[in-house]
Amino acid sequence: MKKVEIDAKDIHYTPLNEMIREAVKKGAEEIVLNNVIGQRFIADGLKGDVRITINGVAGGDLGMFMNGPTCIVNGNCDHAPGNTMDSGTIIVHGSTGDAAAHSMRGGKLFVEKNIGYRGGIHMKQYEEEHRPVLVVGGTAHSFLGEYMAGGLILVLGIGQDKPVVDRGIGSGIHGGMIVVRGEVKDELLGIGAKKARFGEKELEMITPYVEEFCEHFNMDPSGLLDMNYTCIVPASIRPFAGKYTWE
């Protein structure tokens, strides 16, 4: 395996990303970025099977339009990792800022700890093979899954009393599913969202993602594979239809 290491200290994000692209072009299968301090757009638009390890704090829009690579962040991540990602995997050993998985349309994003506001906003799905998945180990804030059109958001709330305590969950949701460990109060649901039964079918659906999450972060999945979840789904496919005036 061809491995390339890059010291990102004091390097502006533009030349850093040019170096990454050049390494991929020359056949690198593994790229290690050291001393990353907020550089943006890492792995944006990259294709293929390359594995990128980011040691430090990744900047905004990590993996935007990415199609295939795996990004492992050994630290926290700024806003919108996985923005409009087509396929691939992002693994964050820490927390992320707002809009994690913004408009994500394929691939998987695993966050060990917490995410900010509007996680999974505008996530969308194209048939079964392009189903985006966001798994959060800790908590999520307001407007989780806002305007969601497809895919799966799974909030595990590990070590937390309440995985989601803020309002607006699923506001404007018209596709996909949000699954939260434990109970979710009705007043926390956004316009267009409703709770649905979590049964054996749903447990079977989330099991591989729980197991993969635990594998990435060296956890035991057995305590998470039970029926203690709440499903949140669209109440209709046009949640704001009554808000518009037609001539």
Foldseek 3Di string as FASTA:
>chain_A
DAEEEEECPPPALVVVQVVVVVCVVVPHQEYEYPPDEAHEDHQALDEDAHEYEYEYEYHPAAQHCHYHYEYEYPEEYEPAHQACHFEYEYEYAAEYEPAHNHCHFAYEYEYQEEYEEQHQANDAYDPDRGAYEYEHAAAYEAQHNALYHGHEYEFQRVPHPFRYDYAAHNANHQYYKYKYFADDDPRRHHQFKDKDAQDPVNLVVCVVVLVVNCVVVVHDSPVVRDRRMIMMHGPHNGRCVVVDDDD
